[in-house]
C-alpha atoms as a PDB file:
ATOM      1  CA  MET A   1       0.107   1.158 -34.057  1.00  0.00           C
ATOM      2  CA  SER A   2       1.066   4.381 -32.409  1.00  0.00           C
ATOM      3  CA  SER A   3       4.064   4.252 -30.113  1.00  0.00           C
ATOM      4  CA  SER A   4       1.958   5.852 -27.387  1.00  0.00           C
ATOM      5  CA  ARG A   5      -0.228   2.744 -27.102  1.00  0.00           C
ATOM      6  CA  LYS A   6       0.960  -0.022 -24.800  1.00  0.00           C
ATOM      7  CA  LYS A   7       0.108  -3.708 -24.616  1.00  0.00           C
ATOM      8  CA  ALA A   8      -2.508  -4.347 -21.951  1.00  0.00           C
ATOM      9  CA  ILE A   9      -4.533  -7.189 -20.479  1.00  0.00           C
ATOM     10  CA  PHE A  10      -7.977  -6.240 -19.155  1.00  0.00           C
ATOM     11  CA  ARG A  11      -9.105  -8.543 -16.332  1.00  0.00           C
ATOM     12  CA  LYS A  12     -12.836  -8.532 -15.643  1.00  0.00           C
ATOM     13  CA  PHE A  13     -14.596  -9.533 -12.425  1.00  0.00           C
ATOM     14  CA  THR A  14     -16.089 -12.490 -14.313  1.00  0.00           C
ATOM     15  CA  ARG A  15     -12.475 -13.820 -14.606  1.00  0.00           C
ATOM     16  CA  ASP A  16     -12.619 -13.242 -18.380  1.00  0.00           C
ATOM     17  CA  TRP A  17      -9.877 -11.174 -19.939  1.00  0.00           C
ATOM     18  CA  VAL A  18      -9.384  -9.125 -23.057  1.00  0.00           C
ATOM     19  CA  ALA A  19      -6.088  -8.170 -24.688  1.00  0.00           C
ATOM     20  CA  GLY A  20      -5.527  -4.915 -26.512  1.00  0.00           C
ATOM     21  CA  TYR A  21      -3.644  -1.664 -26.736  1.00  0.00           C
ATOM     22  CA  LEU A  22      -4.129   1.277 -24.430  1.00  0.00           C
ATOM     23  CA  PRO A  23      -2.539   4.707 -23.994  1.00  0.00           C
ATOM     24  CA  ALA A  24      -0.398   5.195 -20.889  1.00  0.00           C
ATOM     25  CA  ASN A  25      -3.068   7.519 -19.428  1.00  0.00           C
ATOM     26  CA  GLY A  26      -6.198   9.428 -20.426  1.00  0.00           C
ATOM     27  CA  PHE A  27      -8.086   6.351 -21.601  1.00  0.00           C
ATOM     28  CA  LEU A  28     -11.174   6.740 -19.385  1.00  0.00           C
ATOM     29  CA  ARG A  29     -14.096   8.721 -20.824  1.00  0.00           C
ATOM     30  CA  ASP A  30     -17.593   8.792 -19.332  1.00  0.00           C
ATOM     31  CA  ALA A  31     -16.848   5.746 -17.112  1.00  0.00           C
ATOM     32  CA  ARG A  32     -15.813   3.746 -20.187  1.00  0.00           C
ATOM     33  CA  ILE A  33     -12.340   2.605 -21.163  1.00  0.00           C
ATOM     34  CA  GLU A  34     -11.536   2.961 -24.838  1.00  0.00           C
ATOM     35  CA  MET A  35      -9.052   0.385 -26.073  1.00  0.00           C
ATOM     36  CA  LEU A  36      -7.790  -0.836 -29.394  1.00  0.00           C
ATOM     37  CA  ASP A  37      -8.332  -4.597 -29.636  1.00  0.00           C
ATOM     38  CA  LEU A  38      -5.989  -6.996 -31.404  1.00  0.00           C
ATOM     39  CA  ASP A  39      -8.014  -6.698 -34.628  1.00  0.00           C
ATOM     40  CA  GLY A  40      -7.531  -2.918 -34.702  1.00  0.00           C
ATOM     41  CA  LYS A  41     -11.058  -1.969 -33.660  1.00  0.00           C
ATOM     42  CA  VAL A  42     -11.826   0.590 -30.960  1.00  0.00           C
ATOM     43  CA  VAL A  43     -13.754  -1.094 -28.153  1.00  0.00           C
ATOM     44  CA  ALA A  44     -15.295   0.601 -25.113  1.00  0.00           C
ATOM     45  CA  LEU A  45     -15.437  -1.349 -21.859  1.00  0.00           C
ATOM     46  CA  ALA A  46     -17.357  -0.243 -18.777  1.00  0.00           C
ATOM     47  CA  ALA A  47     -14.976   0.667 -15.940  1.00  0.00           C
ATOM     48  CA  THR A  48     -17.317  -1.017 -13.456  1.00  0.00           C
ATOM     49  CA  ASP A  49     -16.734  -4.388 -15.178  1.00  0.00           C
ATOM     50  CA  ILE A  50     -12.936  -4.111 -15.031  1.00  0.00           C
ATOM     51  CA  LYS A  51     -11.043  -5.561 -12.078  1.00  0.00           C
ATOM     52  CA  TRP A  52      -7.668  -4.214 -13.211  1.00  0.00           C
ATOM     53  CA  ILE A  53      -5.653  -3.436 -16.299  1.00  0.00           C
ATOM     54  CA  CYS A  54      -2.149  -4.850 -16.587  1.00  0.00           C
ATOM     55  CA  TYR A  55       0.373  -3.217 -18.878  1.00  0.00           C
ATOM     56  CA  VAL A  56       2.365  -6.215 -20.069  1.00  0.00           C
ATOM     57  CA  ARG A  57       5.598  -6.961 -21.894  1.00  0.00           C
ATOM     58  CA  ASP A  58       4.108  -9.606 -24.159  1.00  0.00           C
ATOM     59  CA  PHE A  59       0.689 -11.030 -25.005  1.00  0.00           C
ATOM     60  CA  ASN A  60       2.093 -14.528 -25.557  1.00  0.00           C
ATOM     61  CA  SER A  61       2.884 -15.560 -22.000  1.00  0.00           C
ATOM     62  CA  GLY A  62       1.724 -19.100 -22.737  1.00  0.00           C
ATOM     63  CA  GLU A  63      -0.926 -19.103 -20.011  1.00  0.00           C
ATOM     64  CA  LEU A  64      -4.588 -19.006 -20.981  1.00  0.00           C
ATOM     65  CA  ASN A  65      -5.950 -18.424 -17.466  1.00  0.00           C
ATOM     66  CA  ASN A  66      -3.300 -15.935 -16.310  1.00  0.00           C
ATOM     67  CA  PRO A  67      -1.904 -14.077 -19.358  1.00  0.00           C
ATOM     68  CA  GLU A  68      -0.739 -11.145 -17.225  1.00  0.00           C
ATOM     69  CA  HIS A  69       1.425 -13.681 -15.346  1.00  0.00           C
ATOM     70  CA  LEU A  70       0.743 -11.884 -12.078  1.00  0.00           C
ATOM     71  CA  MET A  71       1.945 -14.652  -9.781  1.00  0.00           C
ATOM     72  CA  ARG A  72       2.874 -12.607  -6.716  1.00  0.00           C
ATOM     73  CA  LYS A  73       0.329 -10.037  -5.604  1.00  0.00           C
ATOM     74  CA  THR A  74       1.997  -9.093  -2.307  1.00  0.00           C
ATOM     75  CA  PHE A  75       5.512  -8.059  -1.395  1.00  0.00           C
ATOM     76  CA  ALA A  76       7.701 -10.624   0.357  1.00  0.00           C
ATOM     77  CA  GLY A  77       9.429  -7.840   2.293  1.00  0.00           C
ATOM     78  CA  ARG A  78       9.801  -4.095   2.178  1.00  0.00           C
ATOM     79  CA  PRO A  79       9.618  -2.714  -1.385  1.00  0.00           C
ATOM     80  CA  ARG A  80      12.810  -1.247  -2.778  1.00  0.00           C
ATOM     81  CA  GLY A  81      11.444   1.585  -4.882  1.00  0.00           C
ATOM     82  CA  ASP A  82      10.303   5.038  -3.826  1.00  0.00           C
ATOM     83  CA  GLY A  83       6.615   5.828  -3.380  1.00  0.00           C
ATOM     84  CA  LEU A  84       3.615   4.780  -1.351  1.00  0.00           C
ATOM     85  CA  PHE A  85       3.408   1.121  -0.379  1.00  0.00           C
ATOM     86  CA  ILE A  86      -0.295   0.425  -1.034  1.00  0.00           C
ATOM     87  CA  ARG A  87      -2.487  -2.544  -0.130  1.00  0.00           C
ATOM     88  CA  ALA A  88      -5.849  -2.697  -1.890  1.00  0.00           C
ATOM     89  CA  ARG A  89      -8.687  -5.103  -1.183  1.00  0.00           C
ATOM     90  CA  LEU A  90     -10.921  -5.410  -4.201  1.00  0.00           C
ATOM     91  CA  LYS A  91     -14.664  -6.045  -4.342  1.00  0.00           C
ATOM     92  CA  ASP A  92     -14.164  -9.740  -5.086  1.00  0.00           C
ATOM     93  CA  GLY A  93     -11.980 -10.124  -1.965  1.00  0.00           C
ATOM     94  CA  ASP A  94      -8.687 -10.236  -3.854  1.00  0.00           C
ATOM     95  CA  VAL A  95      -5.800  -8.375  -2.172  1.00  0.00           C
ATOM     96  CA  ILE A  96      -3.063  -6.734  -4.194  1.00  0.00           C
ATOM     97  CA  GLU A  97      -0.082  -4.662  -3.126  1.00  0.00           C
ATOM     98  CA  GLY A  98       2.066  -2.290  -5.095  1.00  0.00           C
ATOM     99  CA  LEU A  99       3.982   0.954  -5.146  1.00  0.00           C
ATOM    100  CA  ALA A 100       2.061   4.079  -6.105  1.00  0.00           C
ATOM    101  CA  PRO A 101       3.626   7.445  -6.909  1.00  0.00           C
ATOM    102  CA  ASN A 102       3.690   9.804  -3.944  1.00  0.00           C
ATOM    103  CA  ASP A 103       1.783  12.632  -5.596  1.00  0.00           C
ATOM    104  CA  VAL A 104      -1.700  14.049  -6.141  1.00  0.00           C
ATOM    105  CA  SER A 105      -2.641  11.353  -8.689  1.00  0.00           C
ATOM    106  CA  LEU A 106      -3.594   9.053  -5.807  1.00  0.00           C
ATOM    107  CA  VAL A 107      -6.353  11.398  -4.677  1.00  0.00           C
ATOM    108  CA  GLY A 108      -7.724  13.054  -7.784  1.00  0.00           C
ATOM    109  CA  SER A 109      -8.067  10.321 -10.373  1.00  0.00           C
ATOM    110  CA  ASP A 110     -10.558   7.671 -11.469  1.00  0.00           C
ATOM    111  CA  GLY A 111      -8.110   4.883 -10.754  1.00  0.00           C
ATOM    112  CA  LEU A 112      -4.836   3.946  -9.183  1.00  0.00           C
ATOM    113  CA  PHE A 113      -1.569   3.152 -10.959  1.00  0.00           C
ATOM    114  CA  LEU A 114       0.634   0.628  -9.149  1.00  0.00           C
ATOM    115  CA  THR A 115       3.991  -0.967  -9.754  1.00  0.00           C
ATOM    116  CA  PRO A 116       3.480  -4.674  -8.959  1.00  0.00           C
ATOM    117  CA  PRO A 117       5.555  -6.615  -6.405  1.00  0.00           C
ATOM    118  CA  ASP A 118       7.237  -8.866  -8.983  1.00  0.00           C
ATOM    119  CA  LEU A 119       8.981  -6.742 -11.598  1.00  0.00           C
ATOM    120  CA  ARG A 120      10.269  -9.834 -13.413  1.00  0.00           C
ATOM    121  CA  SER A 121       6.750 -10.967 -14.300  1.00  0.00           C
ATOM    122  CA  ASN A 122       4.948 -10.131 -17.516  1.00  0.00           C
ATOM    123  CA  THR A 123       3.100  -7.256 -15.804  1.00  0.00           C
ATOM    124  CA  GLN A 124       5.044  -3.991 -15.657  1.00  0.00           C
ATOM    125  CA  ARG A 125       2.325  -1.718 -14.306  1.00  0.00           C
ATOM    126  CA  LEU A 126      -1.264  -1.996 -13.039  1.00  0.00           C
ATOM    127  CA  TRP A 127      -4.239   0.308 -13.178  1.00  0.00           C
ATOM    128  CA  ILE A 128      -7.092  -0.410 -10.781  1.00  0.00           C
ATOM    129  CA  PRO A 129     -10.327   1.563 -11.266  1.00  0.00           C
ATOM    130  CA  ARG A 130     -11.795   3.187  -8.149  1.00  0.00           C
ATOM    131  CA  THR A 131     -15.017   1.257  -8.724  1.00  0.00           C
ATOM    132  CA  SER A 132     -13.247  -2.060  -8.057  1.00  0.00           C
ATOM    133  CA  ILE A 133     -11.496  -0.972  -4.827  1.00  0.00           C
ATOM    134  CA  GLU A 134     -13.307  -1.774  -1.610  1.00  0.00           C
ATOM    135  CA  GLU A 135     -10.534  -0.873   0.845  1.00  0.00           C
ATOM    136  CA  LEU A 136      -7.252   0.973   0.355  1.00  0.00           C
ATOM    137  CA  ASP A 137      -4.432   1.129   2.911  1.00  0.00           C
ATOM    138  CA  VAL A 138      -1.184   3.051   2.760  1.00  0.00           C
ATOM    139  CA  VAL A 139       1.205   0.642   4.470  1.00  0.00           C
ATOM    140  CA  ALA A 140       4.312   2.834   4.306  1.00  0.00           C
ATOM    141  CA  VAL A 141       5.819   5.880   2.689  1.00  0.00           C
ATOM    142  CA  ILE A 142       9.101   4.876   1.121  1.00  0.00           C
ATOM    143  CA  GLY A 143      11.503   7.539  -0.003  1.00  0.00           C
ATOM    144  CA  ALA A 144      15.129   8.247  -0.457  1.00  0.00           C
ATOM    145  CA  ALA A 145      16.896   8.804   2.830  1.00  0.00           C
ATOM    146  CA  LYS A 146      17.628  12.433   3.478  1.00  0.00           C
ATOM    147  CA  ARG A 147      21.275  13.238   3.595  1.00  0.00           C
ATOM    148  CA  LYS A 148      22.696  14.904   6.629  1.00  0.00           C
ATOM    149  CA  PRO A 149      24.275  18.231   5.850  1.00  0.00           C
ATOM    150  CA  ALA A 150      28.019  18.001   5.618  1.00  0.00           C
ATOM    151  CA  GLU A 151      29.697  19.045   8.803  1.00  0.00           C
ATOM    152  CA  LYS A 152      31.812  22.132   8.458  1.00  0.00           C
ATOM    153  CA  PRO A 153      35.429  21.519   9.345  1.00  0.00           C
ATOM    154  CA  GLU A 154      36.645  23.341  12.421  1.00  0.00           C
ATOM    155  CA  LYS A 155      38.947  26.247  11.752  1.00  0.00           C
ATOM    156  CA  VAL A 156      42.458  25.403  12.685  1.00  0.00           C
ATOM    157  CA  LYS A 157      44.479  28.283  13.954  1.00  0.00           C
ATOM    158  CA  ASP A 158      47.614  28.746  11.991  1.00  0.00           C
ATOM    159  CA  ASP A 159      50.413  29.997  14.249  1.00  0.00           C
ATOM    160  CA  ARG A 160      52.509  30.986  11.277  1.00  0.00           C
ATOM    161  CA  GLN A 161      50.246  33.863  10.320  1.00  0.00           C
ATOM    162  CA  GLU A 162      50.122  36.993  12.410  1.00  0.00           C
ATOM    163  CA  GLU A 163      46.754  38.361  13.269  1.00  0.00           C
ATOM    164  CA  LEU A 164      46.284  41.868  12.037  1.00  0.00           C
ATOM    165  CA  PHE A 165      43.263  42.638  14.090  1.00  0.00           C
ATOM    166  CA  SER A 166      42.839  41.235  17.518  1.00  0.00           C
ATOM    167  CA  GLU A 167      39.484  40.460  19.022  1.00  0.00           C
ATOM    168  CA  LYS A 168      40.311  42.360  22.182  1.00  0.00           C
ATOM    169  CA  THR A 169      39.635  46.047  22.159  1.00  0.00           C
ATOM    170  CA  SER A 170      41.233  48.336  24.706  1.00  0.00           C
END
């Protein structure tokens, strides 16, 4: 297995799922997702059948119905990371929130990468194809606070030093 392939769980709209290996990006070709299944065979899945792809830590989460272990799909409060706080409503009515990078990839791609609300779960990162998104809202833009410029200290006149040039001209 190449080190550039990551463990992934492919959730379909039929509630079925498939486990396999997927590159971090560039896996979509002609509206099909090419993955390497657990037997080492290249399998192409239609992007329209995929609800989301979860990049996971481990395939053996112990749960047959929820192997991605995505228990929390919404944030309990304000997210802590930097990026765009996104809320997506999918075609099956499911709502998921996450942090997306604040760059052009949100606009010009075939899908959306999100960091899920619960970073301690098995899912580290999500990819949602555009075909499964019905509504997308940017809830907030979260970034590092801008620092105020340091105030310049006031010049203190030193009475010990004579002034060579005075400001007054005669």
